Amino acid sequence: MAILLWYVMSEESRTGYPEPSNKEVFILHVNDQNIEFILTRNSLGATDLYPIHYCWNIVSMAPSCLPNMSKEKLLTILKEALKVYKCSGIRDLEKNAKSLIEFDF
């Protein structure tokens, strides 16, 4: 299993140039197939213990299932990958230690 990330660019900006949107694309590679998830994250109330607190939301998922794997199983795999990824990738240990993430799916 592998996961890739990039930001969706918005063509509708005040400057007329493409700008990053609030959507992030995650490609989850499972059983020799790619599943594309477009997600957004909403900030939630920070605490002293977790100054970085937000919730992931699904905008879209394609395909929504695999021949031998249900949508629910794919979402469980995505949640596990995002728990490791946290807010800025597996290598940012200091920032990730201060992060609390939730899921709205």
PDB file of N, CA and C in Angstrom:
ATOM      1  N   MET A   1       0.839  -1.171   0.000  1.00  0.00           N
ATOM      2  CA  MET A   1       0.000   0.000   0.000  1.00  0.00           C
ATOM      3  C   MET A   1       0.888   1.239   0.000  1.00  0.00           C
ATOM      4  N   ALA A   2       0.500   2.215  -0.780  1.00  0.00           N
ATOM      5  CA  ALA A   2       1.216   3.488  -0.836  1.00  0.00           C
ATOM      6  C   ALA A   2       0.198   4.609  -0.911  1.00  0.00           C
ATOM      7  N   ILE A   3       0.599   5.801  -0.467  1.00  0.00           N
ATOM      8  CA  ILE A   3      -0.294   6.957  -0.538  1.00  0.00           C
ATOM      9  C   ILE A   3       0.499   8.152  -1.059  1.00  0.00           C
ATOM     10  N   LEU A   4      -0.089   8.869  -1.980  1.00  0.00           N
ATOM     11  CA  LEU A   4       0.498  10.076  -2.546  1.00  0.00           C
ATOM     12  C   LEU A   4      -0.441  11.236  -2.280  1.00  0.00           C
ATOM     13  N   LEU A   5       0.074  12.455  -2.249  1.00  0.00           N
ATOM     14  CA  LEU A   5      -0.736  13.633  -1.959  1.00  0.00           C
ATOM     15  C   LEU A   5      -0.343  14.778  -2.858  1.00  0.00           C
ATOM     16  N   TRP A   6      -1.344  15.544  -3.297  1.00  0.00           N
ATOM     17  CA  TRP A   6      -1.099  16.846  -3.903  1.00  0.00           C
ATOM     18  C   TRP A   6      -2.346  17.692  -3.742  1.00  0.00           C
ATOM     19  N   TYR A   7      -2.190  19.008  -3.928  1.00  0.00           N
ATOM     20  CA  TYR A   7      -3.289  19.949  -3.751  1.00  0.00           C
ATOM     21  C   TYR A   7      -3.984  20.208  -5.071  1.00  0.00           C
ATOM     22  N   VAL A   8      -5.300  20.378  -5.015  1.00  0.00           N
ATOM     23  CA  VAL A   8      -6.089  20.712  -6.192  1.00  0.00           C
ATOM     24  C   VAL A   8      -5.972  22.214  -6.411  1.00  0.00           C
ATOM     25  N   MET A   9      -5.691  22.602  -7.646  1.00  0.00           N
ATOM     26  CA  MET A   9      -5.582  24.022  -7.978  1.00  0.00           C
ATOM     27  C   MET A   9      -6.946  24.553  -8.407  1.00  0.00           C
ATOM     28  N   SER A  10      -7.261  25.748  -8.004  1.00  0.00           N
ATOM     29  CA  SER A  10      -8.510  26.397  -8.375  1.00  0.00           C
ATOM     30  C   SER A  10      -8.229  27.431  -9.455  1.00  0.00           C
ATOM     31  N   GLU A  11      -8.982  27.368 -10.542  1.00  0.00           N
ATOM     32  CA  GLU A  11      -8.840  28.348 -11.622  1.00  0.00           C
ATOM     33  C   GLU A  11      -9.601  29.632 -11.303  1.00  0.00           C
ATOM     34  N   GLU A  12     -10.488  29.566 -10.317  1.00  0.00           N
ATOM     35  CA  GLU A  12     -11.314  30.724  -9.962  1.00  0.00           C
ATOM     36  C   GLU A  12     -10.676  31.464  -8.794  1.00  0.00           C
ATOM     37  N   SER A  13      -9.805  32.402  -9.108  1.00  0.00           N
ATOM     38  CA  SER A  13      -9.142  33.168  -8.064  1.00  0.00           C
ATOM     39  C   SER A  13      -9.279  34.655  -8.370  1.00  0.00           C
ATOM     40  N   ARG A  14      -9.039  35.472  -7.372  1.00  0.00           N
ATOM     41  CA  ARG A  14      -9.117  36.927  -7.566  1.00  0.00           C
ATOM     42  C   ARG A  14      -8.027  37.432  -8.501  1.00  0.00           C
ATOM     43  N   THR A  15      -6.899  36.747  -8.512  1.00  0.00           N
ATOM     44  CA  THR A  15      -5.789  37.201  -9.341  1.00  0.00           C
ATOM     45  C   THR A  15      -5.911  36.750 -10.797  1.00  0.00           C
ATOM     46  N   GLY A  16      -6.760  35.751 -11.044  1.00  0.00           N
ATOM     47  CA  GLY A  16      -6.884  35.210 -12.386  1.00  0.00           C
ATOM     48  C   GLY A  16      -5.903  34.084 -12.661  1.00  0.00           C
ATOM     49  N   TYR A  17      -4.996  33.826 -11.709  1.00  0.00           N
ATOM     50  CA  TYR A  17      -4.028  32.741 -11.836  1.00  0.00           C
ATOM     51  C   TYR A  17      -4.476  31.560 -10.972  1.00  0.00           C
ATOM     52  N   PRO A  18      -4.124  30.351 -11.367  1.00  0.00           N
ATOM     53  CA  PRO A  18      -4.480  29.188 -10.526  1.00  0.00           C
ATOM     54  C   PRO A  18      -3.858  29.315  -9.138  1.00  0.00           C
ATOM     55  N   GLU A  19      -4.641  28.989  -8.137  1.00  0.00           N
ATOM     56  CA  GLU A  19      -4.182  29.020  -6.752  1.00  0.00           C
ATOM     57  C   GLU A  19      -4.603  27.721  -6.067  1.00  0.00           C
ATOM     58  N   PRO A  20      -3.872  27.309  -5.042  1.00  0.00           N
ATOM     59  CA  PRO A  20      -4.276  26.098  -4.325  1.00  0.00           C
ATOM     60  C   PRO A  20      -5.667  26.264  -3.712  1.00  0.00           C
ATOM     61  N   SER A  21      -6.457  25.212  -3.781  1.00  0.00           N
ATOM     62  CA  SER A  21      -7.780  25.222  -3.156  1.00  0.00           C
ATOM     63  C   SER A  21      -7.665  24.546  -1.789  1.00  0.00           C
ATOM     64  N   ASN A  22      -8.787  24.376  -1.127  1.00  0.00           N
ATOM     65  CA  ASN A  22      -8.783  23.686   0.166  1.00  0.00           C
ATOM     66  C   ASN A  22      -8.906  22.176  -0.008  1.00  0.00           C
ATOM     67  N   LYS A  23      -8.858  21.695  -1.256  1.00  0.00           N
ATOM     68  CA  LYS A  23      -8.982  20.265  -1.533  1.00  0.00           C
ATOM     69  C   LYS A  23      -7.607  19.640  -1.721  1.00  0.00           C
ATOM     70  N   GLU A  24      -7.468  18.437  -1.183  1.00  0.00           N
ATOM     71  CA  GLU A  24      -6.238  17.678  -1.323  1.00  0.00           C
ATOM     72  C   GLU A  24      -6.564  16.330  -1.937  1.00  0.00           C
ATOM     73  N   VAL A  25      -5.731  15.881  -2.866  1.00  0.00           N
ATOM     74  CA  VAL A  25      -5.935  14.608  -3.534  1.00  0.00           C
ATOM     75  C   VAL A  25      -4.982  13.588  -2.928  1.00  0.00           C
ATOM     76  N   PHE A  26      -5.538  12.466  -2.510  1.00  0.00           N
ATOM     77  CA  PHE A  26      -4.751  11.353  -2.017  1.00  0.00           C
ATOM     78  C   PHE A  26      -4.969  10.179  -2.957  1.00  0.00           C
ATOM     79  N   ILE A  27      -3.893   9.570  -3.413  1.00  0.00           N
ATOM     80  CA  ILE A  27      -3.972   8.366  -4.227  1.00  0.00           C
ATOM     81  C   ILE A  27      -3.537   7.206  -3.347  1.00  0.00           C
ATOM     82  N   LEU A  28      -4.435   6.314  -3.106  1.00  0.00           N
ATOM     83  CA  LEU A  28      -4.162   5.138  -2.290  1.00  0.00           C
ATOM     84  C   LEU A  28      -3.994   3.955  -3.235  1.00  0.00           C
ATOM     85  N   HIS A  29      -2.844   3.311  -3.186  1.00  0.00           N
ATOM     86  CA  HIS A  29      -2.565   2.172  -4.051  1.00  0.00           C
ATOM     87  C   HIS A  29      -2.817   0.892  -3.259  1.00  0.00           C
ATOM     88  N   VAL A  30      -3.872   0.156  -3.636  1.00  0.00           N
ATOM     89  CA  VAL A  30      -4.273  -1.057  -2.930  1.00  0.00           C
ATOM     90  C   VAL A  30      -4.534  -2.152  -3.959  1.00  0.00           C
ATOM     91  N   ASN A  31      -3.988  -3.324  -3.732  1.00  0.00           N
ATOM     92  CA  ASN A  31      -4.218  -4.478  -4.618  1.00  0.00           C
ATOM     93  C   ASN A  31      -3.984  -4.132  -6.085  1.00  0.00           C
ATOM     94  N   ASP A  32      -2.875  -3.482  -6.376  1.00  0.00           N
ATOM     95  CA  ASP A  32      -2.484  -3.114  -7.743  1.00  0.00           C
ATOM     96  C   ASP A  32      -3.462  -2.156  -8.419  1.00  0.00           C
ATOM     97  N   GLN A  33      -4.243  -1.417  -7.654  1.00  0.00           N
ATOM     98  CA  GLN A  33      -5.144  -0.418  -8.222  1.00  0.00           C
ATOM     99  C   GLN A  33      -5.031   0.878  -7.432  1.00  0.00           C
ATOM    100  N   ASN A  34      -5.243   1.989  -8.137  1.00  0.00           N
ATOM    101  CA  ASN A  34      -5.234   3.300  -7.493  1.00  0.00           C
ATOM    102  C   ASN A  34      -6.647   3.742  -7.189  1.00  0.00           C
ATOM    103  N   ILE A  35      -6.861   4.227  -5.987  1.00  0.00           N
ATOM    104  CA  ILE A  35      -8.135   4.826  -5.595  1.00  0.00           C
ATOM    105  C   ILE A  35      -7.839   6.284  -5.306  1.00  0.00           C
ATOM    106  N   GLU A  36      -8.546   7.167  -5.978  1.00  0.00           N
ATOM    107  CA  GLU A  36      -8.330   8.607  -5.821  1.00  0.00           C
ATOM    108  C   GLU A  36      -9.368   9.174  -4.855  1.00  0.00           C
ATOM    109  N   PHE A  37      -8.882   9.780  -3.791  1.00  0.00           N
ATOM    110  CA  PHE A  37      -9.729  10.442  -2.810  1.00  0.00           C
ATOM    111  C   PHE A  37      -9.466  11.937  -2.884  1.00  0.00           C
ATOM    112  N   ILE A  38     -10.496  12.723  -2.983  1.00  0.00           N
ATOM    113  CA  ILE A  38     -10.365  14.169  -2.839  1.00  0.00           C
ATOM    114  C   ILE A  38     -10.955  14.507  -1.482  1.00  0.00           C
ATOM    115  N   LEU A  39     -10.126  15.129  -0.645  1.00  0.00           N
ATOM    116  CA  LEU A  39     -10.505  15.421   0.739  1.00  0.00           C
ATOM    117  C   LEU A  39     -10.339  16.908   1.034  1.00  0.00           C
ATOM    118  N   THR A  40     -11.079  17.361   2.023  1.00  0.00           N
ATOM    119  CA  THR A  40     -10.863  18.682   2.600  1.00  0.00           C
ATOM    120  C   THR A  40     -10.641  18.472   4.091  1.00  0.00           C
ATOM    121  N   ARG A  41     -10.055  19.476   4.733  1.00  0.00           N
ATOM    122  CA  ARG A  41      -9.937  19.392   6.188  1.00  0.00           C
ATOM    123  C   ARG A  41     -10.419  20.688   6.802  1.00  0.00           C
ATOM    124  N   ASN A  42     -11.147  20.543   7.893  1.00  0.00           N
ATOM    125  CA  ASN A  42     -11.689  21.681   8.625  1.00  0.00           C
ATOM    126  C   ASN A  42     -11.001  21.780   9.968  1.00  0.00           C
ATOM    127  N   SER A  43     -10.577  22.977  10.309  1.00  0.00           N
ATOM    128  CA  SER A  43      -9.949  23.191  11.612  1.00  0.00           C
ATOM    129  C   SER A  43     -10.984  23.068  12.717  1.00  0.00           C
ATOM    130  N   LEU A  44     -10.568  22.438  13.794  1.00  0.00           N
ATOM    131  CA  LEU A  44     -11.407  22.307  14.986  1.00  0.00           C
ATOM    132  C   LEU A  44     -10.700  23.028  16.127  1.00  0.00           C
ATOM    133  N   GLY A  45     -11.342  23.148  17.240  1.00  0.00           N
ATOM    134  CA  GLY A  45     -10.773  23.875  18.371  1.00  0.00           C
ATOM    135  C   GLY A  45      -9.469  23.278  18.861  1.00  0.00           C
ATOM    136  N   ALA A  46      -8.456  24.110  18.969  1.00  0.00           N
ATOM    137  CA  ALA A  46      -7.149  23.681  19.475  1.00  0.00           C
ATOM    138  C   ALA A  46      -7.184  23.588  20.992  1.00  0.00           C
ATOM    139  N   THR A  47      -6.336  22.734  21.525  1.00  0.00           N
ATOM    140  CA  THR A  47      -6.186  22.606  22.976  1.00  0.00           C
ATOM    141  C   THR A  47      -4.701  22.780  23.315  1.00  0.00           C
ATOM    142  N   ASP A  48      -4.396  22.866  24.596  1.00  0.00           N
ATOM    143  CA  ASP A  48      -2.993  22.965  25.004  1.00  0.00           C
ATOM    144  C   ASP A  48      -2.214  21.727  24.584  1.00  0.00           C
ATOM    145  N   LEU A  49      -2.841  20.567  24.702  1.00  0.00           N
ATOM    146  CA  LEU A  49      -2.177  19.315  24.351  1.00  0.00           C
ATOM    147  C   LEU A  49      -2.069  19.142  22.836  1.00  0.00           C
ATOM    148  N   TYR A  50      -3.116  19.560  22.108  1.00  0.00           N
ATOM    149  CA  TYR A  50      -3.138  19.416  20.647  1.00  0.00           C
ATOM    150  C   TYR A  50      -3.452  20.759  19.988  1.00  0.00           C
ATOM    151  N   PRO A  51      -2.435  21.582  19.737  1.00  0.00           N
ATOM    152  CA  PRO A  51      -2.684  22.872  19.095  1.00  0.00           C
ATOM    153  C   PRO A  51      -3.110  22.742  17.623  1.00  0.00           C
ATOM    154  N   ILE A  52      -2.878  21.582  17.028  1.00  0.00           N
ATOM    155  CA  ILE A  52      -3.309  21.332  15.647  1.00  0.00           C
ATOM    156  C   ILE A  52      -4.417  20.285  15.712  1.00  0.00           C
ATOM    157  N   HIS A  53      -5.645  20.702  15.420  1.00  0.00           N
ATOM    158  CA  HIS A  53      -6.805  19.822  15.550  1.00  0.00           C
ATOM    159  C   HIS A  53      -7.721  20.074  14.364  1.00  0.00           C
ATOM    160  N   TYR A  54      -7.979  19.055  13.578  1.00  0.00           N
ATOM    161  CA  TYR A  54      -8.845  19.225  12.412  1.00  0.00           C
ATOM    162  C   TYR A  54      -9.534  17.915  12.064  1.00  0.00           C
ATOM    163  N   CYS A  55     -10.464  18.018  11.109  1.00  0.00           N
ATOM    164  CA  CYS A  55     -11.271  16.887  10.683  1.00  0.00           C
ATOM    165  C   CYS A  55     -11.181  16.738   9.164  1.00  0.00           C
ATOM    166  N   TRP A  56     -10.918  15.513   8.699  1.00  0.00           N
ATOM    167  CA  TRP A  56     -10.908  15.212   7.271  1.00  0.00           C
ATOM    168  C   TRP A  56     -12.331  14.920   6.796  1.00  0.00           C
ATOM    169  N   ASN A  57     -12.673  15.412   5.606  1.00  0.00           N
ATOM    170  CA  ASN A  57     -13.971  15.159   4.970  1.00  0.00           C
ATOM    171  C   ASN A  57     -13.725  14.658   3.554  1.00  0.00           C
ATOM    172  N   ILE A  58     -14.553  13.743   3.083  1.00  0.00           N
ATOM    173  CA  ILE A  58     -14.425  13.230   1.716  1.00  0.00           C
ATOM    174  C   ILE A  58     -15.281  14.062   0.771  1.00  0.00           C
ATOM    175  N   VAL A  59     -14.672  14.525  -0.315  1.00  0.00           N
ATOM    176  CA  VAL A  59     -15.388  15.211  -1.385  1.00  0.00           C
ATOM    177  C   VAL A  59     -15.769  14.187  -2.451  1.00  0.00           C
ATOM    178  N   SER A  60     -14.801  13.318  -2.827  1.00  0.00           N
ATOM    179  CA  SER A  60     -15.090  12.265  -3.803  1.00  0.00           C
ATOM    180  C   SER A  60     -14.117  11.109  -3.638  1.00  0.00           C
ATOM    181  N   MET A  61     -14.512   9.990  -4.237  1.00  0.00           N
ATOM    182  CA  MET A  61     -13.731   8.757  -4.168  1.00  0.00           C
ATOM    183  C   MET A  61     -13.955   7.998  -5.468  1.00  0.00           C
ATOM    184  N   ALA A  62     -12.890   7.663  -6.187  1.00  0.00           N
ATOM    185  CA  ALA A  62     -13.056   6.938  -7.443  1.00  0.00           C
ATOM    186  C   ALA A  62     -11.928   5.923  -7.610  1.00  0.00           C
ATOM    187  N   PRO A  63     -12.216   4.674  -7.873  1.00  0.00           N
ATOM    188  CA  PRO A  63     -13.541   4.072  -7.821  1.00  0.00           C
ATOM    189  C   PRO A  63     -13.999   3.940  -6.374  1.00  0.00           C
ATOM    190  N   SER A  64     -15.285   3.734  -6.189  1.00  0.00           N
ATOM    191  CA  SER A  64     -15.823   3.683  -4.827  1.00  0.00           C
ATOM    192  C   SER A  64     -15.638   2.322  -4.167  1.00  0.00           C
ATOM    193  N   CYS A  65     -15.249   1.326  -4.937  1.00  0.00           N
ATOM    194  CA  CYS A  65     -14.941   0.017  -4.366  1.00  0.00           C
ATOM    195  C   CYS A  65     -14.103  -0.760  -5.373  1.00  0.00           C
ATOM    196  N   LEU A  66     -13.550  -1.876  -4.936  1.00  0.00           N
ATOM    197  CA  LEU A  66     -12.785  -2.768  -5.797  1.00  0.00           C
ATOM    198  C   LEU A  66     -13.526  -4.096  -5.864  1.00  0.00           C
ATOM    199  N   PRO A  67     -13.235  -4.920  -6.865  1.00  0.00           N
ATOM    200  CA  PRO A  67     -13.947  -6.194  -6.984  1.00  0.00           C
ATOM    201  C   PRO A  67     -13.882  -7.056  -5.726  1.00  0.00           C
ATOM    202  N   ASN A  68     -12.761  -7.003  -5.021  1.00  0.00           N
ATOM    203  CA  ASN A  68     -12.612  -7.854  -3.835  1.00  0.00           C
ATOM    204  C   ASN A  68     -12.502  -7.053  -2.537  1.00  0.00           C
ATOM    205  N   MET A  69     -12.925  -5.770  -2.567  1.00  0.00           N
ATOM    206  CA  MET A  69     -12.819  -4.943  -1.371  1.00  0.00           C
ATOM    207  C   MET A  69     -13.956  -3.921  -1.344  1.00  0.00           C
ATOM    208  N   SER A  70     -14.633  -3.838  -0.230  1.00  0.00           N
ATOM    209  CA  SER A  70     -15.772  -2.931  -0.105  1.00  0.00           C
ATOM    210  C   SER A  70     -15.329  -1.488   0.122  1.00  0.00           C
ATOM    211  N   LYS A  71     -16.260  -0.585  -0.037  1.00  0.00           N
ATOM    212  CA  LYS A  71     -16.005   0.831   0.224  1.00  0.00           C
ATOM    213  C   LYS A  71     -15.609   1.031   1.680  1.00  0.00           C
ATOM    214  N   GLU A  72     -16.280   0.348   2.586  1.00  0.00           N
ATOM    215  CA  GLU A  72     -15.991   0.480   4.016  1.00  0.00           C
ATOM    216  C   GLU A  72     -14.550   0.066   4.324  1.00  0.00           C
ATOM    217  N   LYS A  73     -14.090  -1.008   3.702  1.00  0.00           N
ATOM    218  CA  LYS A  73     -12.717  -1.472   3.925  1.00  0.00           C
ATOM    219  C   LYS A  73     -11.713  -0.451   3.379  1.00  0.00           C
ATOM    220  N   LEU A  74     -11.992   0.115   2.182  1.00  0.00           N
ATOM    221  CA  LEU A  74     -11.110   1.135   1.615  1.00  0.00           C
ATOM    222  C   LEU A  74     -11.050   2.368   2.505  1.00  0.00           C
ATOM    223  N   LEU A  75     -12.188   2.773   3.075  1.00  0.00           N
ATOM    224  CA  LEU A  75     -12.206   3.932   3.970  1.00  0.00           C
ATOM    225  C   LEU A  75     -11.416   3.649   5.247  1.00  0.00           C
ATOM    226  N   THR A  76     -11.475   2.425   5.729  1.00  0.00           N
ATOM    227  CA  THR A  76     -10.696   2.045   6.905  1.00  0.00           C
ATOM    228  C   THR A  76      -9.200   2.139   6.600  1.00  0.00           C
ATOM    229  N   ILE A  77      -8.793   1.675   5.422  1.00  0.00           N
ATOM    230  CA  ILE A  77      -7.387   1.762   5.016  1.00  0.00           C
ATOM    231  C   ILE A  77      -6.968   3.227   4.894  1.00  0.00           C
ATOM    232  N   LEU A  78      -7.837   4.059   4.299  1.00  0.00           N
ATOM    233  CA  LEU A  78      -7.531   5.484   4.171  1.00  0.00           C
ATOM    234  C   LEU A  78      -7.366   6.132   5.547  1.00  0.00           C
ATOM    235  N   LYS A  79      -8.261   5.825   6.470  1.00  0.00           N
ATOM    236  CA  LYS A  79      -8.158   6.390   7.820  1.00  0.00           C
ATOM    237  C   LYS A  79      -6.838   6.005   8.485  1.00  0.00           C
ATOM    238  N   GLU A  80      -6.443   4.745   8.344  1.00  0.00           N
ATOM    239  CA  GLU A  80      -5.178   4.299   8.931  1.00  0.00           C
ATOM    240  C   GLU A  80      -3.998   5.043   8.303  1.00  0.00           C
ATOM    241  N   ALA A  81      -4.032   5.233   6.983  1.00  0.00           N
ATOM    242  CA  ALA A  81      -2.952   5.963   6.312  1.00  0.00           C
ATOM    243  C   ALA A  81      -2.918   7.414   6.767  1.00  0.00           C
ATOM    244  N   LEU A  82      -4.080   8.045   6.921  1.00  0.00           N
ATOM    245  CA  LEU A  82      -4.126   9.439   7.363  1.00  0.00           C
ATOM    246  C   LEU A  82      -3.706   9.593   8.821  1.00  0.00           C
ATOM    247  N   LYS A  83      -3.933   8.573   9.644  1.00  0.00           N
ATOM    248  CA  LYS A  83      -3.464   8.623  11.032  1.00  0.00           C
ATOM    249  C   LYS A  83      -1.938   8.667  11.085  1.00  0.00           C
ATOM    250  N   VAL A  84      -1.298   7.994  10.151  1.00  0.00           N
ATOM    251  CA  VAL A  84       0.166   8.019  10.077  1.00  0.00           C
ATOM    252  C   VAL A  84       0.626   9.329   9.452  1.00  0.00           C
ATOM    253  N   TYR A  85      -0.052   9.774   8.390  1.00  0.00           N
ATOM    254  CA  TYR A  85       0.306  11.004   7.687  1.00  0.00           C
ATOM    255  C   TYR A  85       0.124  12.232   8.580  1.00  0.00           C
ATOM    256  N   LYS A  86      -0.924  12.222   9.400  1.00  0.00           N
ATOM    257  CA  LYS A  86      -1.320  13.333  10.280  1.00  0.00           C
ATOM    258  C   LYS A  86      -1.500  14.615   9.482  1.00  0.00           C
ATOM    259  N   CYS A  87      -0.711  15.648   9.762  1.00  0.00           N
ATOM    260  CA  CYS A  87      -0.936  16.936   9.101  1.00  0.00           C
ATOM    261  C   CYS A  87       0.113  17.274   8.066  1.00  0.00           C
ATOM    262  N   SER A  88       1.298  16.703   8.154  1.00  0.00           N
ATOM    263  CA  SER A  88       2.329  17.101   7.193  1.00  0.00           C
ATOM    264  C   SER A  88       3.304  15.978   6.851  1.00  0.00           C
ATOM    265  N   GLY A  89       2.855  14.763   6.939  1.00  0.00           N
ATOM    266  CA  GLY A  89       3.689  13.647   6.524  1.00  0.00           C
ATOM    267  C   GLY A  89       4.398  12.958   7.676  1.00  0.00           C
ATOM    268  N   ILE A  90       4.791  11.759   7.424  1.00  0.00           N
ATOM    269  CA  ILE A  90       5.356  10.894   8.454  1.00  0.00           C
ATOM    270  C   ILE A  90       6.673  11.417   9.024  1.00  0.00           C
ATOM    271  N   ARG A  91       7.409  12.238   8.267  1.00  0.00           N
ATOM    272  CA  ARG A  91       8.721  12.693   8.732  1.00  0.00           C
ATOM    273  C   ARG A  91       8.670  13.896   9.675  1.00  0.00           C
ATOM    274  N   ASP A  92       7.528  14.564   9.751  1.00  0.00           N
ATOM    275  CA  ASP A  92       7.420  15.754  10.600  1.00  0.00           C
ATOM    276  C   ASP A  92       6.952  15.343  12.000  1.00  0.00           C
ATOM    277  N   LEU A  93       7.828  14.686  12.736  1.00  0.00           N
ATOM    278  CA  LEU A  93       7.470  14.099  14.024  1.00  0.00           C
ATOM    279  C   LEU A  93       7.038  15.131  15.053  1.00  0.00           C
ATOM    280  N   GLU A  94       7.726  16.262  15.103  1.00  0.00           N
ATOM    281  CA  GLU A  94       7.410  17.278  16.106  1.00  0.00           C
ATOM    282  C   GLU A  94       6.004  17.854  15.888  1.00  0.00           C
ATOM    283  N   LYS A  95       5.695  18.238  14.673  1.00  0.00           N
ATOM    284  CA  LYS A  95       4.375  18.800  14.373  1.00  0.00           C
ATOM    285  C   LYS A  95       3.281  17.745  14.525  1.00  0.00           C
ATOM    286  N   ASN A  96       3.555  16.531  14.090  1.00  0.00           N
ATOM    287  CA  ASN A  96       2.572  15.459  14.186  1.00  0.00           C
ATOM    288  C   ASN A  96       2.253  15.088  15.634  1.00  0.00           C
ATOM    289  N   ALA A  97       3.231  15.209  16.532  1.00  0.00           N
ATOM    290  CA  ALA A  97       2.998  14.905  17.939  1.00  0.00           C
ATOM    291  C   ALA A  97       1.990  15.867  18.552  1.00  0.00           C
ATOM    292  N   LYS A  98       1.849  17.059  17.966  1.00  0.00           N
ATOM    293  CA  LYS A  98       0.924  18.077  18.467  1.00  0.00           C
ATOM    294  C   LYS A  98      -0.403  18.070  17.711  1.00  0.00           C
ATOM    295  N   SER A  99      -0.625  17.044  16.884  1.00  0.00           N
ATOM    296  CA  SER A  99      -1.802  17.012  16.012  1.00  0.00           C
ATOM    297  C   SER A  99      -2.816  15.986  16.470  1.00  0.00           C
ATOM    298  N   LEU A 100      -4.067  16.378  16.409  1.00  0.00           N
ATOM    299  CA  LEU A 100      -5.190  15.470  16.652  1.00  0.00           C
ATOM    300  C   LEU A 100      -6.091  15.545  15.437  1.00  0.00           C
ATOM    301  N   ILE A 101      -6.317  14.400  14.783  1.00  0.00           N
ATOM    302  CA  ILE A 101      -7.156  14.398  13.596  1.00  0.00           C
ATOM    303  C   ILE A 101      -8.399  13.547  13.831  1.00  0.00           C
ATOM    304  N   GLU A 102      -9.470  13.950  13.179  1.00  0.00           N
ATOM    305  CA  GLU A 102     -10.730  13.233  13.238  1.00  0.00           C
ATOM    306  C   GLU A 102     -11.212  13.016  11.812  1.00  0.00           C
ATOM    307  N   PHE A 103     -12.247  12.214  11.667  1.00  0.00           N
ATOM    308  CA  PHE A 103     -12.784  11.889  10.350  1.00  0.00           C
ATOM    309  C   PHE A 103     -14.288  12.111  10.335  1.00  0.00           C
ATOM    310  N   ASP A 104     -14.779  12.655   9.246  1.00  0.00           N
ATOM    311  CA  ASP A 104     -16.216  12.822   9.066  1.00  0.00           C
ATOM    312  C   ASP A 104     -16.685  11.880   7.952  1.00  0.00           C
ATOM    313  N   PHE A 105     -16.204  10.653   8.036  1.00  0.00           N
ATOM    314  CA  PHE A 105     -16.639   9.612   7.086  1.00  0.00           C
ATOM    315  C   PHE A 105     -16.460   8.253   7.710  1.00  0.00           C
TER     316      PHE A 105
END
